Amino acid sequence: MMTDYITFRSVTVAQRGEKILNAAGIRCAVRRTPRWMEEQGCGYCIRLSGAEVPDALALLRKNQLSWRKVYHQGENGVLEERRV
């Protein structure tokens, strides 16, 4: 399964996003970001299926929650920034 991560500046915003997405049927979970992501100012992220990212971002926009970046983790385990 391919996994994506939507990063946020604070745990509070990430938790609000998680609540909104789960209520809409998009399974996700808040996680601490890997250390190299923290260095870019992203302390928390929501982990979710890559196929659900477009719907998730649309819901976050609709609810006026801002995120930092989106990262994609493919079959090989490498994380790459995803342009959205």
PDB file of N, CA and C in Angstrom:
ATOM      1  N   MET A   1       0.823  -1.178   0.000  1.00  0.00           N
ATOM      2  CA  MET A   1       0.000   0.000   0.000  1.00  0.00           C
ATOM      3  C   MET A   1       0.875   1.253   0.000  1.00  0.00           C
ATOM      4  N   MET A   2       0.505   2.211  -0.809  1.00  0.00           N
ATOM      5  CA  MET A   2       1.226   3.470  -0.842  1.00  0.00           C
ATOM      6  C   MET A   2       0.635   4.403   0.218  1.00  0.00           C
ATOM      7  N   THR A   3       1.504   5.120   0.879  1.00  0.00           N
ATOM      8  CA  THR A   3       1.108   5.977   1.979  1.00  0.00           C
ATOM      9  C   THR A   3       1.531   7.406   1.696  1.00  0.00           C
ATOM     10  N   ASP A   4       0.701   8.350   2.098  1.00  0.00           N
ATOM     11  CA  ASP A   4       1.049   9.759   1.994  1.00  0.00           C
ATOM     12  C   ASP A   4       0.956  10.395   3.370  1.00  0.00           C
ATOM     13  N   TYR A   5       1.659  11.515   3.514  1.00  0.00           N
ATOM     14  CA  TYR A   5       1.685  12.266   4.766  1.00  0.00           C
ATOM     15  C   TYR A   5       1.402  13.723   4.454  1.00  0.00           C
ATOM     16  N   ILE A   6       0.431  14.296   5.140  1.00  0.00           N
ATOM     17  CA  ILE A   6       0.139  15.720   5.031  1.00  0.00           C
ATOM     18  C   ILE A   6       0.696  16.359   6.290  1.00  0.00           C
ATOM     19  N   THR A   7       1.624  17.298   6.148  1.00  0.00           N
ATOM     20  CA  THR A   7       2.297  17.872   7.311  1.00  0.00           C
ATOM     21  C   THR A   7       1.639  19.179   7.753  1.00  0.00           C
ATOM     22  N   PHE A   8       1.745  19.427   9.061  1.00  0.00           N
ATOM     23  CA  PHE A   8       1.156  20.609   9.697  1.00  0.00           C
ATOM     24  C   PHE A   8       2.165  21.220  10.648  1.00  0.00           C
ATOM     25  N   ARG A   9       1.972  22.490  10.961  1.00  0.00           N
ATOM     26  CA  ARG A   9       2.863  23.171  11.903  1.00  0.00           C
ATOM     27  C   ARG A   9       2.599  22.790  13.348  1.00  0.00           C
ATOM     28  N   SER A  10       1.350  22.440  13.677  1.00  0.00           N
ATOM     29  CA  SER A  10       1.043  22.166  15.082  1.00  0.00           C
ATOM     30  C   SER A  10       0.201  20.907  15.232  1.00  0.00           C
ATOM     31  N   VAL A  11       0.272  20.323  16.395  1.00  0.00           N
ATOM     32  CA  VAL A  11      -0.508  19.128  16.689  1.00  0.00           C
ATOM     33  C   VAL A  11      -1.991  19.462  16.712  1.00  0.00           C
ATOM     34  N   THR A  12      -2.340  20.667  17.155  1.00  0.00           N
ATOM     35  CA  THR A  12      -3.750  21.058  17.227  1.00  0.00           C
ATOM     36  C   THR A  12      -4.401  21.057  15.851  1.00  0.00           C
ATOM     37  N   VAL A  13      -3.737  21.637  14.878  1.00  0.00           N
ATOM     38  CA  VAL A  13      -4.282  21.677  13.514  1.00  0.00           C
ATOM     39  C   VAL A  13      -4.329  20.269  12.931  1.00  0.00           C
ATOM     40  N   ALA A  14      -3.296  19.482  13.167  1.00  0.00           N
ATOM     41  CA  ALA A  14      -3.280  18.098  12.677  1.00  0.00           C
ATOM     42  C   ALA A  14      -4.439  17.297  13.284  1.00  0.00           C
ATOM     43  N   GLN A  15      -4.700  17.487  14.568  1.00  0.00           N
ATOM     44  CA  GLN A  15      -5.802  16.771  15.225  1.00  0.00           C
ATOM     45  C   GLN A  15      -7.155  17.213  14.681  1.00  0.00           C
ATOM     46  N   ARG A  16      -7.317  18.506  14.408  1.00  0.00           N
ATOM     47  CA  ARG A  16      -8.567  18.983  13.801  1.00  0.00           C
ATOM     48  C   ARG A  16      -8.757  18.355  12.425  1.00  0.00           C
ATOM     49  N   GLY A  17      -7.677  18.307  11.655  1.00  0.00           N
ATOM     50  CA  GLY A  17      -7.734  17.690  10.331  1.00  0.00           C
ATOM     51  C   GLY A  17      -8.099  16.219  10.405  1.00  0.00           C
ATOM     52  N   GLU A  18      -7.495  15.513  11.341  1.00  0.00           N
ATOM     53  CA  GLU A  18      -7.790  14.089  11.526  1.00  0.00           C
ATOM     54  C   GLU A  18      -9.272  13.884  11.835  1.00  0.00           C
ATOM     55  N   LYS A  19      -9.813  14.709  12.706  1.00  0.00           N
ATOM     56  CA  LYS A  19     -11.217  14.595  13.090  1.00  0.00           C
ATOM     57  C   LYS A  19     -12.136  14.821  11.879  1.00  0.00           C
ATOM     58  N   ILE A  20     -11.847  15.842  11.084  1.00  0.00           N
ATOM     59  CA  ILE A  20     -12.645  16.153   9.893  1.00  0.00           C
ATOM     60  C   ILE A  20     -12.573  15.017   8.878  1.00  0.00           C
ATOM     61  N   LEU A  21     -11.376  14.521   8.625  1.00  0.00           N
ATOM     62  CA  LEU A  21     -11.201  13.464   7.624  1.00  0.00           C
ATOM     63  C   LEU A  21     -11.851  12.158   8.076  1.00  0.00           C
ATOM     64  N   ASN A  22     -11.660  11.779   9.321  1.00  0.00           N
ATOM     65  CA  ASN A  22     -12.279  10.544   9.818  1.00  0.00           C
ATOM     66  C   ASN A  22     -13.804  10.633   9.773  1.00  0.00           C
ATOM     67  N   ALA A  23     -14.365  11.800  10.095  1.00  0.00           N
ATOM     68  CA  ALA A  23     -15.815  11.985  10.046  1.00  0.00           C
ATOM     69  C   ALA A  23     -16.349  11.830   8.620  1.00  0.00           C
ATOM     70  N   ALA A  24     -15.500  12.142   7.631  1.00  0.00           N
ATOM     71  CA  ALA A  24     -15.893  12.027   6.227  1.00  0.00           C
ATOM     72  C   ALA A  24     -15.598  10.633   5.658  1.00  0.00           C
ATOM     73  N   GLY A  25     -15.096   9.750   6.498  1.00  0.00           N
ATOM     74  CA  GLY A  25     -14.824   8.384   6.054  1.00  0.00           C
ATOM     75  C   GLY A  25     -13.432   8.166   5.492  1.00  0.00           C
ATOM     76  N   ILE A  26     -12.553   9.145   5.643  1.00  0.00           N
ATOM     77  CA  ILE A  26     -11.164   9.003   5.192  1.00  0.00           C
ATOM     78  C   ILE A  26     -10.339   8.572   6.397  1.00  0.00           C
ATOM     79  N   ARG A  27      -9.878   7.332   6.356  1.00  0.00           N
ATOM     80  CA  ARG A  27      -9.113   6.789   7.478  1.00  0.00           C
ATOM     81  C   ARG A  27      -7.726   7.407   7.510  1.00  0.00           C
ATOM     82  N   CYS A  28      -7.389   7.967   8.679  1.00  0.00           N
ATOM     83  CA  CYS A  28      -6.087   8.605   8.832  1.00  0.00           C
ATOM     84  C   CYS A  28      -5.711   8.632  10.305  1.00  0.00           C
ATOM     85  N   ALA A  29      -4.464   8.998  10.575  1.00  0.00           N
ATOM     86  CA  ALA A  29      -3.985   9.082  11.950  1.00  0.00           C
ATOM     87  C   ALA A  29      -2.904  10.149  12.057  1.00  0.00           C
ATOM     88  N   VAL A  30      -2.902  10.872  13.166  1.00  0.00           N
ATOM     89  CA  VAL A  30      -1.870  11.875  13.433  1.00  0.00           C
ATOM     90  C   VAL A  30      -0.610  11.174  13.903  1.00  0.00           C
ATOM     91  N   ARG A  31       0.512  11.633  13.408  1.00  0.00           N
ATOM     92  CA  ARG A  31       1.825  11.090  13.781  1.00  0.00           C
ATOM     93  C   ARG A  31       2.821  12.245  13.931  1.00  0.00           C
ATOM     94  N   ARG A  32       3.861  12.013  14.705  1.00  0.00           N
ATOM     95  CA  ARG A  32       5.014  12.933  14.699  1.00  0.00           C
ATOM     96  C   ARG A  32       5.709  12.722  13.368  1.00  0.00           C
ATOM     97  N   THR A  33       6.218  13.787  12.809  1.00  0.00           N
ATOM     98  CA  THR A  33       6.921  13.640  11.541  1.00  0.00           C
ATOM     99  C   THR A  33       8.341  13.121  11.778  1.00  0.00           C
ATOM    100  N   PRO A  34       8.925  12.487  10.768  1.00  0.00           N
ATOM    101  CA  PRO A  34      10.329  12.081  10.890  1.00  0.00           C
ATOM    102  C   PRO A  34      11.203  13.317  11.126  1.00  0.00           C
ATOM    103  N   ARG A  35      12.348  13.110  11.762  1.00  0.00           N
ATOM    104  CA  ARG A  35      13.212  14.214  12.156  1.00  0.00           C
ATOM    105  C   ARG A  35      13.567  15.139  10.994  1.00  0.00           C
ATOM    106  N   TRP A  36      13.864  14.605   9.815  1.00  0.00           N
ATOM    107  CA  TRP A  36      14.257  15.475   8.698  1.00  0.00           C
ATOM    108  C   TRP A  36      13.104  16.365   8.242  1.00  0.00           C
ATOM    109  N   MET A  37      11.860  15.944   8.453  1.00  0.00           N
ATOM    110  CA  MET A  37      10.724  16.807   8.131  1.00  0.00           C
ATOM    111  C   MET A  37      10.585  17.900   9.184  1.00  0.00           C
ATOM    112  N   GLU A  38      10.886  17.578  10.437  1.00  0.00           N
ATOM    113  CA  GLU A  38      10.808  18.563  11.515  1.00  0.00           C
ATOM    114  C   GLU A  38      11.725  19.742  11.233  1.00  0.00           C
ATOM    115  N   GLU A  39      12.888  19.467  10.651  1.00  0.00           N
ATOM    116  CA  GLU A  39      13.844  20.523  10.352  1.00  0.00           C
ATOM    117  C   GLU A  39      13.276  21.518   9.352  1.00  0.00           C
ATOM    118  N   GLN A  40      12.256  21.123   8.611  1.00  0.00           N
ATOM    119  CA  GLN A  40      11.616  22.013   7.650  1.00  0.00           C
ATOM    120  C   GLN A  40      10.399  22.696   8.266  1.00  0.00           C
ATOM    121  N   GLY A  41      10.233  22.596   9.579  1.00  0.00           N
ATOM    122  CA  GLY A  41       9.157  23.279  10.278  1.00  0.00           C
ATOM    123  C   GLY A  41       7.847  22.520  10.329  1.00  0.00           C
ATOM    124  N   CYS A  42       7.889  21.229  10.076  1.00  0.00           N
ATOM    125  CA  CYS A  42       6.671  20.414  10.085  1.00  0.00           C
ATOM    126  C   CYS A  42       6.762  19.423  11.235  1.00  0.00           C
ATOM    127  N   GLY A  43       6.055  19.677  12.328  1.00  0.00           N
ATOM    128  CA  GLY A  43       6.185  18.836  13.505  1.00  0.00           C
ATOM    129  C   GLY A  43       5.242  17.657  13.561  1.00  0.00           C
ATOM    130  N   TYR A  44       4.084  17.767  12.904  1.00  0.00           N
ATOM    131  CA  TYR A  44       3.089  16.701  12.950  1.00  0.00           C
ATOM    132  C   TYR A  44       2.523  16.460  11.561  1.00  0.00           C
ATOM    133  N   CYS A  45       2.030  15.247  11.362  1.00  0.00           N
ATOM    134  CA  CYS A  45       1.459  14.918  10.063  1.00  0.00           C
ATOM    135  C   CYS A  45       0.259  13.990  10.235  1.00  0.00           C
ATOM    136  N   ILE A  46      -0.515  13.913   9.178  1.00  0.00           N
ATOM    137  CA  ILE A  46      -1.597  12.945   9.090  1.00  0.00           C
ATOM    138  C   ILE A  46      -1.150  11.901   8.083  1.00  0.00           C
ATOM    139  N   ARG A  47      -1.214  10.654   8.465  1.00  0.00           N
ATOM    140  CA  ARG A  47      -0.853   9.539   7.593  1.00  0.00           C
ATOM    141  C   ARG A  47      -2.137   8.969   6.997  1.00  0.00           C
ATOM    142  N   LEU A  48      -2.159   8.799   5.658  1.00  0.00           N
ATOM    143  CA  LEU A  48      -3.343   8.270   4.991  1.00  0.00           C
ATOM    144  C   LEU A  48      -2.965   7.595   3.689  1.00  0.00           C
ATOM    145  N   SER A  49      -3.914   6.913   3.109  1.00  0.00           N
ATOM    146  CA  SER A  49      -3.716   6.246   1.830  1.00  0.00           C
ATOM    147  C   SER A  49      -3.506   7.289   0.740  1.00  0.00           C
ATOM    148  N   GLY A  50      -2.557   7.044  -0.137  1.00  0.00           N
ATOM    149  CA  GLY A  50      -2.263   7.977  -1.216  1.00  0.00           C
ATOM    150  C   GLY A  50      -3.441   8.266  -2.121  1.00  0.00           C
ATOM    151  N   ALA A  51      -4.319   7.291  -2.302  1.00  0.00           N
ATOM    152  CA  ALA A  51      -5.474   7.463  -3.181  1.00  0.00           C
ATOM    153  C   ALA A  51      -6.469   8.472  -2.620  1.00  0.00           C
ATOM    154  N   GLU A  52      -6.417   8.709  -1.314  1.00  0.00           N
ATOM    155  CA  GLU A  52      -7.388   9.597  -0.672  1.00  0.00           C
ATOM    156  C   GLU A  52      -6.894  11.040  -0.518  1.00  0.00           C
ATOM    157  N   VAL A  53      -5.680  11.312  -0.950  1.00  0.00           N
ATOM    158  CA  VAL A  53      -5.113  12.650  -0.763  1.00  0.00           C
ATOM    159  C   VAL A  53      -5.932  13.753  -1.436  1.00  0.00           C
ATOM    160  N   PRO A  54      -6.345  13.623  -2.696  1.00  0.00           N
ATOM    161  CA  PRO A  54      -7.117  14.721  -3.302  1.00  0.00           C
ATOM    162  C   PRO A  54      -8.388  15.063  -2.520  1.00  0.00           C
ATOM    163  N   ASP A  55      -9.138  14.051  -2.106  1.00  0.00           N
ATOM    164  CA  ASP A  55     -10.355  14.291  -1.315  1.00  0.00           C
ATOM    165  C   ASP A  55     -10.014  14.896   0.047  1.00  0.00           C
ATOM    166  N   ALA A  56      -8.943  14.416   0.659  1.00  0.00           N
ATOM    167  CA  ALA A  56      -8.535  14.928   1.969  1.00  0.00           C
ATOM    168  C   ALA A  56      -8.161  16.404   1.878  1.00  0.00           C
ATOM    169  N   LEU A  57      -7.377  16.764   0.879  1.00  0.00           N
ATOM    170  CA  LEU A  57      -6.972  18.159   0.731  1.00  0.00           C
ATOM    171  C   LEU A  57      -8.168  19.060   0.449  1.00  0.00           C
ATOM    172  N   ALA A  58      -9.113  18.573  -0.339  1.00  0.00           N
ATOM    173  CA  ALA A  58     -10.328  19.355  -0.617  1.00  0.00           C
ATOM    174  C   ALA A  58     -11.107  19.606   0.675  1.00  0.00           C
ATOM    175  N   LEU A  59     -11.224  18.594   1.526  1.00  0.00           N
ATOM    176  CA  LEU A  59     -11.921  18.770   2.808  1.00  0.00           C
ATOM    177  C   LEU A  59     -11.183  19.730   3.733  1.00  0.00           C
ATOM    178  N   LEU A  60      -9.858  19.636   3.753  1.00  0.00           N
ATOM    179  CA  LEU A  60      -9.078  20.550   4.593  1.00  0.00           C
ATOM    180  C   LEU A  60      -9.249  21.989   4.118  1.00  0.00           C
ATOM    181  N   ARG A  61      -9.227  22.193   2.788  1.00  0.00           N
ATOM    182  CA  ARG A  61      -9.449  23.536   2.240  1.00  0.00           C
ATOM    183  C   ARG A  61     -10.837  24.051   2.616  1.00  0.00           C
ATOM    184  N   LYS A  62     -11.834  23.189   2.439  1.00  0.00           N
ATOM    185  CA  LYS A  62     -13.215  23.568   2.739  1.00  0.00           C
ATOM    186  C   LYS A  62     -13.365  24.016   4.188  1.00  0.00           C
ATOM    187  N   ASN A  63     -12.626  23.384   5.079  1.00  0.00           N
ATOM    188  CA  ASN A  63     -12.689  23.695   6.506  1.00  0.00           C
ATOM    189  C   ASN A  63     -11.616  24.697   6.939  1.00  0.00           C
ATOM    190  N   GLN A  64     -10.948  25.308   5.964  1.00  0.00           N
ATOM    191  CA  GLN A  64      -9.950  26.347   6.178  1.00  0.00           C
ATOM    192  C   GLN A  64      -8.810  25.935   7.106  1.00  0.00           C
ATOM    193  N   LEU A  65      -8.365  24.688   6.957  1.00  0.00           N
ATOM    194  CA  LEU A  65      -7.193  24.211   7.704  1.00  0.00           C
ATOM    195  C   LEU A  65      -6.001  24.222   6.748  1.00  0.00           C
ATOM    196  N   SER A  66      -4.938  24.869   7.162  1.00  0.00           N
ATOM    197  CA  SER A  66      -3.772  24.943   6.285  1.00  0.00           C
ATOM    198  C   SER A  66      -2.750  23.874   6.656  1.00  0.00           C
ATOM    199  N   TRP A  67      -2.121  23.321   5.645  1.00  0.00           N
ATOM    200  CA  TRP A  67      -1.085  22.318   5.826  1.00  0.00           C
ATOM    201  C   TRP A  67       0.190  22.852   5.211  1.00  0.00           C
ATOM    202  N   ARG A  68       1.295  22.175   5.484  1.00  0.00           N
ATOM    203  CA  ARG A  68       2.593  22.618   4.969  1.00  0.00           C
ATOM    204  C   ARG A  68       2.907  21.939   3.638  1.00  0.00           C
ATOM    205  N   LYS A  69       3.101  20.628   3.676  1.00  0.00           N
ATOM    206  CA  LYS A  69       3.493  19.883   2.479  1.00  0.00           C
ATOM    207  C   LYS A  69       2.850  18.503   2.500  1.00  0.00           C
ATOM    208  N   VAL A  70       2.904  17.840   1.347  1.00  0.00           N
ATOM    209  CA  VAL A  70       2.406  16.475   1.229  1.00  0.00           C
ATOM    210  C   VAL A  70       3.571  15.623   0.746  1.00  0.00           C
ATOM    211  N   TYR A  71       3.800  14.503   1.422  1.00  0.00           N
ATOM    212  CA  TYR A  71       4.868  13.578   1.045  1.00  0.00           C
ATOM    213  C   TYR A  71       4.267  12.236   0.677  1.00  0.00           C
ATOM    214  N   HIS A  72       4.861  11.601  -0.318  1.00  0.00           N
ATOM    215  CA  HIS A  72       4.409  10.296  -0.796  1.00  0.00           C
ATOM    216  C   HIS A  72       5.483   9.258  -0.496  1.00  0.00           C
ATOM    217  N   GLN A  73       5.065   8.121   0.051  1.00  0.00           N
ATOM    218  CA  GLN A  73       5.980   7.015   0.313  1.00  0.00           C
ATOM    219  C   GLN A  73       5.565   5.858  -0.576  1.00  0.00           C
ATOM    220  N   GLY A  74       6.383   5.557  -1.559  1.00  0.00           N
ATOM    221  CA  GLY A  74       6.075   4.494  -2.503  1.00  0.00           C
ATOM    222  C   GLY A  74       6.460   3.121  -1.994  1.00  0.00           C
ATOM    223  N   GLU A  75       6.342   2.158  -2.870  1.00  0.00           N
ATOM    224  CA  GLU A  75       6.643   0.751  -2.546  1.00  0.00           C
ATOM    225  C   GLU A  75       8.070   0.576  -2.030  1.00  0.00           C
ATOM    226  N   ASN A  76       8.988   1.404  -2.509  1.00  0.00           N
ATOM    227  CA  ASN A  76      10.394   1.277  -2.117  1.00  0.00           C
ATOM    228  C   ASN A  76      10.687   1.914  -0.752  1.00  0.00           C
ATOM    229  N   GLY A  77       9.705   2.580  -0.144  1.00  0.00           N
ATOM    230  CA  GLY A  77       9.872   3.177   1.170  1.00  0.00           C
ATOM    231  C   GLY A  77      10.438   4.578   1.186  1.00  0.00           C
ATOM    232  N   VAL A  78      10.818   5.082   0.017  1.00  0.00           N
ATOM    233  CA  VAL A  78      11.410   6.413  -0.069  1.00  0.00           C
ATOM    234  C   VAL A  78      10.309   7.471  -0.029  1.00  0.00           C
ATOM    235  N   LEU A  79      10.532   8.518   0.773  1.00  0.00           N
ATOM    236  CA  LEU A  79       9.581   9.628   0.865  1.00  0.00           C
ATOM    237  C   LEU A  79       9.978  10.727  -0.116  1.00  0.00           C
ATOM    238  N   GLU A  80       9.005  11.199  -0.899  1.00  0.00           N
ATOM    239  CA  GLU A  80       9.237  12.285  -1.834  1.00  0.00           C
ATOM    240  C   GLU A  80       8.122  13.298  -1.688  1.00  0.00           C
ATOM    241  N   GLU A  81       8.481  14.575  -1.832  1.00  0.00           N
ATOM    242  CA  GLU A  81       7.451  15.611  -1.762  1.00  0.00           C
ATOM    243  C   GLU A  81       6.510  15.465  -2.957  1.00  0.00           C
ATOM    244  N   ARG A  82       5.242  15.566  -2.691  1.00  0.00           N
ATOM    245  CA  ARG A  82       4.214  15.427  -3.728  1.00  0.00           C
ATOM    246  C   ARG A  82       3.692  16.817  -4.063  1.00  0.00           C
ATOM    247  N   ARG A  83       3.697  17.165  -5.340  1.00  0.00           N
ATOM    248  CA  ARG A  83       3.171  18.457  -5.779  1.00  0.00           C
ATOM    249  C   ARG A  83       1.657  18.382  -5.855  1.00  0.00           C
ATOM    250  N   VAL A  84       0.984  19.285  -5.160  1.00  0.00           N
ATOM    251  CA  VAL A  84      -0.487  19.299  -5.165  1.00  0.00           C
ATOM    252  C   VAL A  84      -1.009  20.666  -5.517  1.00  0.00           C
TER     253      VAL A  84
END
